[in-house]
N, C-alpha and C. Protein backbone atom coordinates (compact mmCIF):
# COMPACT_ATOMS: atom_id res chain seq x y z
N UNK A 1 128.22 77.60 111.91
CA UNK A 1 126.83 77.65 111.37
C UNK A 1 126.88 77.99 109.94
N UNK A 2 126.08 77.20 109.15
CA UNK A 2 126.04 77.50 107.65
C UNK A 2 125.45 78.97 107.53
N UNK A 3 125.90 79.59 106.49
CA UNK A 3 125.38 80.89 106.11
C UNK A 3 125.05 80.95 104.73
N UNK A 4 124.08 81.84 104.46
CA UNK A 4 123.57 82.02 103.13
C UNK A 4 123.62 83.39 102.77
N UNK A 5 124.37 83.90 101.86
CA UNK A 5 124.53 85.28 101.57
C UNK A 5 124.92 86.10 102.84
N UNK A 6 125.75 85.51 103.62
CA UNK A 6 126.31 86.24 104.73
C UNK A 6 125.41 86.39 105.90
N UNK A 7 124.16 85.63 105.77
CA UNK A 7 123.20 85.65 106.93
C UNK A 7 123.12 84.27 107.53
N UNK A 8 123.16 84.22 108.82
CA UNK A 8 123.05 82.84 109.31
C UNK A 8 121.80 82.06 108.81
N UNK A 9 121.96 80.90 108.44
CA UNK A 9 120.86 80.13 107.95
C UNK A 9 119.57 80.07 108.73
N UNK A 10 119.77 79.93 110.09
CA UNK A 10 118.62 79.92 110.94
C UNK A 10 117.85 81.29 110.89
N UNK A 11 118.50 82.29 110.76
CA UNK A 11 118.03 83.57 110.88
C UNK A 11 116.96 83.67 109.58
N UNK A 12 117.49 83.16 108.48
CA UNK A 12 116.76 83.23 107.29
C UNK A 12 115.40 82.37 107.41
N UNK A 13 115.60 81.23 108.09
CA UNK A 13 114.42 80.40 108.23
C UNK A 13 113.31 81.11 109.20
N UNK A 14 113.99 81.75 110.22
CA UNK A 14 113.11 82.52 111.13
C UNK A 14 112.34 83.71 110.43
N UNK A 15 113.13 84.42 109.59
CA UNK A 15 112.52 85.46 108.73
C UNK A 15 111.40 85.03 107.87
N UNK A 16 111.64 83.93 107.21
CA UNK A 16 110.66 83.42 106.41
C UNK A 16 109.39 83.04 107.17
N UNK A 17 109.68 82.34 108.15
CA UNK A 17 108.48 82.03 109.18
C UNK A 17 107.79 83.18 109.59
N UNK A 18 108.38 84.23 109.95
CA UNK A 18 107.67 85.43 110.46
C UNK A 18 106.88 86.09 109.27
N UNK A 19 107.69 86.26 108.18
CA UNK A 19 106.90 86.90 106.96
C UNK A 19 105.69 86.20 106.72
N UNK A 20 105.69 84.88 106.62
CA UNK A 20 104.50 84.15 106.21
C UNK A 20 103.41 83.97 107.28
N UNK A 21 103.89 84.04 108.53
CA UNK A 21 102.97 84.00 109.65
C UNK A 21 102.13 85.28 109.61
N UNK A 22 102.75 86.44 109.49
CA UNK A 22 102.07 87.66 109.51
C UNK A 22 101.18 87.92 108.33
N UNK A 23 101.53 87.42 107.22
CA UNK A 23 100.68 87.54 106.06
C UNK A 23 99.53 86.65 106.12
N UNK A 24 99.73 85.47 106.56
CA UNK A 24 98.57 84.55 106.77
C UNK A 24 97.66 85.10 107.90
N UNK A 25 98.17 85.68 108.98
CA UNK A 25 97.25 86.23 109.96
C UNK A 25 96.55 87.41 109.43
N UNK A 26 97.18 88.25 108.59
CA UNK A 26 96.54 89.44 108.09
C UNK A 26 95.26 88.98 107.28
N UNK A 27 95.37 87.91 106.38
CA UNK A 27 94.28 87.53 105.64
C UNK A 27 93.25 86.86 106.42
N UNK A 28 93.80 86.11 107.38
CA UNK A 28 92.76 85.33 108.35
C UNK A 28 91.82 86.39 109.03
N UNK A 29 92.45 87.36 109.49
CA UNK A 29 91.78 88.40 110.23
C UNK A 29 90.79 89.11 109.40
N UNK A 30 91.17 89.44 108.17
CA UNK A 30 90.38 90.14 107.17
C UNK A 30 89.09 89.31 106.88
N UNK A 31 89.39 87.98 106.63
CA UNK A 31 88.09 87.11 106.28
C UNK A 31 87.21 86.98 107.57
N UNK A 32 87.86 86.91 108.72
CA UNK A 32 87.09 86.84 109.87
C UNK A 32 86.30 88.15 110.22
N UNK A 33 86.91 89.24 109.96
CA UNK A 33 86.18 90.52 110.13
C UNK A 33 85.00 90.59 109.19
N UNK A 34 85.30 90.22 107.93
CA UNK A 34 84.12 90.21 106.98
C UNK A 34 82.98 89.17 107.37
N UNK A 35 83.36 88.03 107.88
CA UNK A 35 82.43 87.16 108.34
C UNK A 35 81.59 87.73 109.51
N UNK A 36 82.24 88.34 110.41
CA UNK A 36 81.51 88.99 111.56
C UNK A 36 80.56 90.03 111.05
N UNK A 37 81.09 90.89 110.17
CA UNK A 37 80.21 92.06 109.67
C UNK A 37 79.04 91.53 108.94
N UNK A 38 79.16 90.33 108.20
CA UNK A 38 78.09 89.85 107.35
C UNK A 38 77.14 89.11 108.24
N UNK A 39 77.52 88.47 109.34
CA UNK A 39 76.70 87.55 110.02
C UNK A 39 76.42 88.09 111.36
N UNK A 40 77.08 89.04 111.94
CA UNK A 40 76.94 89.55 113.27
C UNK A 40 77.09 88.41 114.37
N UNK A 41 77.90 87.53 114.08
CA UNK A 41 78.23 86.63 115.13
C UNK A 41 79.76 86.20 114.99
N UNK A 42 80.21 85.56 115.98
CA UNK A 42 81.64 85.23 115.98
C UNK A 42 82.05 84.40 114.81
N UNK A 43 83.05 84.68 114.12
CA UNK A 43 83.43 83.79 113.03
C UNK A 43 83.91 82.47 113.44
N UNK A 44 83.88 81.51 112.54
CA UNK A 44 84.30 80.23 112.91
C UNK A 44 85.73 80.04 113.30
N UNK A 45 86.04 79.10 114.14
CA UNK A 45 87.42 78.89 114.61
C UNK A 45 88.11 78.04 113.53
N UNK A 46 88.72 78.72 112.55
CA UNK A 46 89.31 77.97 111.48
C UNK A 46 90.71 78.60 111.06
N UNK A 47 91.59 77.85 110.63
CA UNK A 47 92.84 78.35 110.11
C UNK A 47 92.95 78.47 108.60
N UNK A 48 92.10 77.69 107.94
CA UNK A 48 92.29 77.49 106.46
C UNK A 48 91.56 78.69 105.74
N UNK A 49 92.40 79.44 105.02
CA UNK A 49 91.86 80.63 104.37
C UNK A 49 90.80 80.37 103.28
N UNK A 50 90.96 79.21 102.68
CA UNK A 50 89.97 78.78 101.65
C UNK A 50 88.48 78.53 102.34
N UNK A 51 88.66 77.78 103.53
CA UNK A 51 87.43 77.59 104.25
C UNK A 51 86.82 78.80 104.73
N UNK A 52 87.55 79.77 105.27
CA UNK A 52 87.00 81.12 105.68
C UNK A 52 86.37 81.89 104.56
N UNK A 53 87.12 81.96 103.44
CA UNK A 53 86.58 82.52 102.19
C UNK A 53 85.15 81.91 101.83
N UNK A 54 85.11 80.64 101.97
CA UNK A 54 83.92 80.02 101.57
C UNK A 54 82.76 80.30 102.56
N UNK A 55 83.09 80.41 103.83
CA UNK A 55 82.15 80.77 105.00
C UNK A 55 81.64 82.15 104.83
N UNK A 56 82.38 83.08 104.26
CA UNK A 56 82.07 84.38 103.97
C UNK A 56 81.24 84.58 102.76
N UNK A 57 81.31 83.65 101.84
CA UNK A 57 80.53 83.74 100.58
C UNK A 57 81.50 84.38 99.51
N UNK A 58 82.76 84.80 99.84
CA UNK A 58 83.64 85.42 98.89
C UNK A 58 84.43 84.51 98.10
N UNK A 59 84.44 83.15 98.37
CA UNK A 59 85.27 82.34 97.62
C UNK A 59 84.89 82.37 96.08
N UNK A 60 83.62 82.41 95.74
CA UNK A 60 83.25 82.47 94.36
C UNK A 60 83.66 83.74 93.74
N UNK A 61 84.04 84.75 94.45
CA UNK A 61 84.49 86.04 93.77
C UNK A 61 85.93 85.95 93.53
N UNK A 62 86.70 85.10 93.99
CA UNK A 62 88.08 84.98 93.83
C UNK A 62 88.56 84.30 92.54
N UNK A 63 89.55 84.66 91.91
CA UNK A 63 90.07 84.02 90.63
C UNK A 63 90.73 82.74 91.16
N UNK A 64 90.99 81.88 90.20
CA UNK A 64 91.71 80.74 90.51
C UNK A 64 93.08 81.02 91.05
N UNK A 65 93.84 82.03 90.52
CA UNK A 65 95.04 82.40 91.00
C UNK A 65 95.05 82.80 92.43
N UNK A 66 94.01 83.65 92.88
CA UNK A 66 93.97 84.09 94.23
C UNK A 66 93.49 82.84 95.18
N UNK A 67 92.64 82.02 94.61
CA UNK A 67 92.29 80.83 95.40
C UNK A 67 93.55 80.03 95.66
N UNK A 68 94.31 79.75 94.68
CA UNK A 68 95.54 79.04 94.75
C UNK A 68 96.57 79.73 95.79
N UNK A 69 96.58 81.03 95.80
CA UNK A 69 97.45 81.79 96.70
C UNK A 69 96.94 81.47 98.02
N UNK A 70 95.75 81.68 98.30
CA UNK A 70 95.15 81.40 99.65
C UNK A 70 95.42 79.96 100.14
N UNK A 71 95.30 79.01 99.29
CA UNK A 71 95.66 77.67 99.66
C UNK A 71 97.04 77.42 100.06
N UNK A 72 97.85 78.15 99.31
CA UNK A 72 99.33 78.06 99.57
C UNK A 72 99.75 78.76 100.90
N UNK A 73 99.23 79.94 101.01
CA UNK A 73 99.50 80.65 102.38
C UNK A 73 98.82 79.97 103.53
N UNK A 74 97.76 79.29 103.35
CA UNK A 74 97.11 78.52 104.42
C UNK A 74 98.05 77.52 105.05
N UNK A 75 98.94 77.01 104.34
CA UNK A 75 99.85 76.03 104.80
C UNK A 75 100.86 76.68 105.81
N UNK A 76 100.87 77.92 106.01
CA UNK A 76 101.62 78.56 106.94
C UNK A 76 101.13 78.67 108.35
N UNK A 77 99.88 78.33 108.52
CA UNK A 77 99.24 78.56 109.88
C UNK A 77 99.97 77.63 110.94
N UNK A 78 100.45 76.45 110.49
CA UNK A 78 101.09 75.54 111.48
C UNK A 78 102.48 76.19 112.13
N UNK A 79 103.04 77.10 111.44
CA UNK A 79 104.29 77.66 111.96
C UNK A 79 103.81 78.69 112.97
N UNK A 80 102.66 79.34 112.84
CA UNK A 80 102.16 80.38 113.67
C UNK A 80 101.73 79.57 115.12
N UNK A 81 101.13 78.43 114.91
CA UNK A 81 100.64 77.57 116.05
C UNK A 81 101.76 76.75 116.69
N UNK A 82 102.69 76.24 115.91
CA UNK A 82 103.76 75.38 116.26
C UNK A 82 105.09 75.86 115.75
N UNK A 83 105.71 76.80 116.35
CA UNK A 83 106.85 77.33 116.00
C UNK A 83 108.11 76.43 115.72
N UNK A 84 108.06 75.31 116.48
CA UNK A 84 109.02 74.33 116.19
C UNK A 84 109.03 73.51 114.90
N UNK A 85 108.01 73.72 114.19
CA UNK A 85 107.88 73.11 112.93
C UNK A 85 108.39 73.99 111.74
N UNK A 86 109.29 75.01 112.03
CA UNK A 86 109.84 75.94 111.09
C UNK A 86 110.39 75.28 109.88
N UNK A 87 111.02 74.16 110.05
CA UNK A 87 111.70 73.46 108.98
C UNK A 87 110.72 73.06 107.86
N UNK A 88 109.54 72.75 108.36
CA UNK A 88 108.45 72.17 107.37
C UNK A 88 108.17 73.40 106.39
N UNK A 89 108.07 74.64 106.87
CA UNK A 89 107.62 75.72 105.88
C UNK A 89 108.77 76.03 104.91
N UNK A 90 110.06 75.76 105.21
CA UNK A 90 111.10 76.03 104.25
C UNK A 90 111.11 75.01 103.13
N UNK A 91 110.39 73.88 103.34
CA UNK A 91 110.26 72.93 102.23
C UNK A 91 109.30 73.46 101.18
N UNK A 92 108.30 74.39 101.62
CA UNK A 92 107.34 74.95 100.71
C UNK A 92 107.77 76.41 100.21
N UNK A 93 108.32 77.17 101.17
CA UNK A 93 108.58 78.53 100.78
C UNK A 93 110.22 78.75 101.00
N UNK A 94 110.80 79.38 100.07
CA UNK A 94 112.26 79.86 100.20
C UNK A 94 112.13 81.40 100.44
N UNK A 95 113.28 81.99 100.59
CA UNK A 95 113.31 83.45 100.89
C UNK A 95 112.62 84.20 99.73
N UNK A 96 112.97 83.94 98.56
CA UNK A 96 112.43 84.63 97.38
C UNK A 96 110.92 84.39 97.34
N UNK A 97 110.51 83.20 97.47
CA UNK A 97 109.08 82.91 97.33
C UNK A 97 108.21 83.57 98.40
N UNK A 98 108.79 83.68 99.73
CA UNK A 98 108.08 84.31 100.80
C UNK A 98 108.03 85.72 100.44
N UNK A 99 109.02 86.38 100.05
CA UNK A 99 108.91 87.78 99.66
C UNK A 99 107.86 87.98 98.66
N UNK A 100 107.75 86.96 97.76
CA UNK A 100 106.69 87.15 96.70
C UNK A 100 105.28 87.25 97.21
N UNK A 101 105.10 86.85 98.47
CA UNK A 101 103.74 86.83 99.00
C UNK A 101 103.23 88.27 99.39
N UNK A 102 104.10 89.25 99.46
CA UNK A 102 103.67 90.55 99.92
C UNK A 102 102.58 91.22 99.07
N UNK A 103 102.86 91.35 97.75
CA UNK A 103 101.93 91.95 96.81
C UNK A 103 100.53 91.25 96.81
N UNK A 104 100.48 89.87 96.68
CA UNK A 104 99.18 89.23 96.60
C UNK A 104 98.42 89.49 98.03
N UNK A 105 99.12 89.41 99.08
CA UNK A 105 98.56 89.56 100.40
C UNK A 105 97.84 91.08 100.43
N UNK A 106 98.71 91.99 100.07
CA UNK A 106 98.18 93.42 99.88
C UNK A 106 96.94 93.59 99.17
N UNK A 107 97.00 92.92 98.03
CA UNK A 107 95.83 93.05 97.00
C UNK A 107 94.62 92.55 97.60
N UNK A 108 94.74 91.36 98.23
CA UNK A 108 93.50 90.59 98.77
C UNK A 108 93.04 91.45 100.02
N UNK A 109 94.01 91.85 100.90
CA UNK A 109 93.66 92.64 102.01
C UNK A 109 92.87 93.97 101.65
N UNK A 110 93.40 94.65 100.65
CA UNK A 110 92.67 95.80 100.21
C UNK A 110 91.29 95.56 99.69
N UNK A 111 91.18 94.40 98.95
CA UNK A 111 89.87 93.96 98.42
C UNK A 111 88.94 93.68 99.54
N UNK A 112 89.41 92.97 100.69
CA UNK A 112 88.61 92.85 101.82
C UNK A 112 88.03 94.01 102.48
N UNK A 113 89.05 95.06 102.62
CA UNK A 113 88.65 96.26 103.16
C UNK A 113 87.68 96.95 102.43
N UNK A 114 87.70 96.97 101.11
CA UNK A 114 86.65 97.59 100.30
C UNK A 114 85.39 96.78 100.65
N UNK A 115 85.42 95.56 100.64
CA UNK A 115 84.09 94.78 101.02
C UNK A 115 83.48 95.18 102.27
N UNK A 116 84.47 95.43 103.24
CA UNK A 116 83.93 95.95 104.61
C UNK A 116 83.46 97.42 104.59
N UNK A 117 83.83 98.19 103.70
CA UNK A 117 83.35 99.61 103.77
C UNK A 117 81.88 99.77 103.29
């Protein structure tokens, strides 16, 4: 099996997939929680973070950078729903880029928590 920096390549792919899946889910759950609190009804069944932000009315409060980040991370939903598509995500995100999603995810999540308070 091919290795990259001493780690099996497949393990790196799975790591990237898990990192992105949980970051996408964190933001999705945050927007859905806000949507519920705002409307007092079940949030829409959507995977797209941009669409969820729009439904909550928060999209206009996000900068272009944050909107771009949400659009990029939204591409990760299919690996959560269809794990056999893991190779697709590695075309978009490599190990370094997936690690770079931690800080923006945290910032947006904390912002959403403040909105909910």
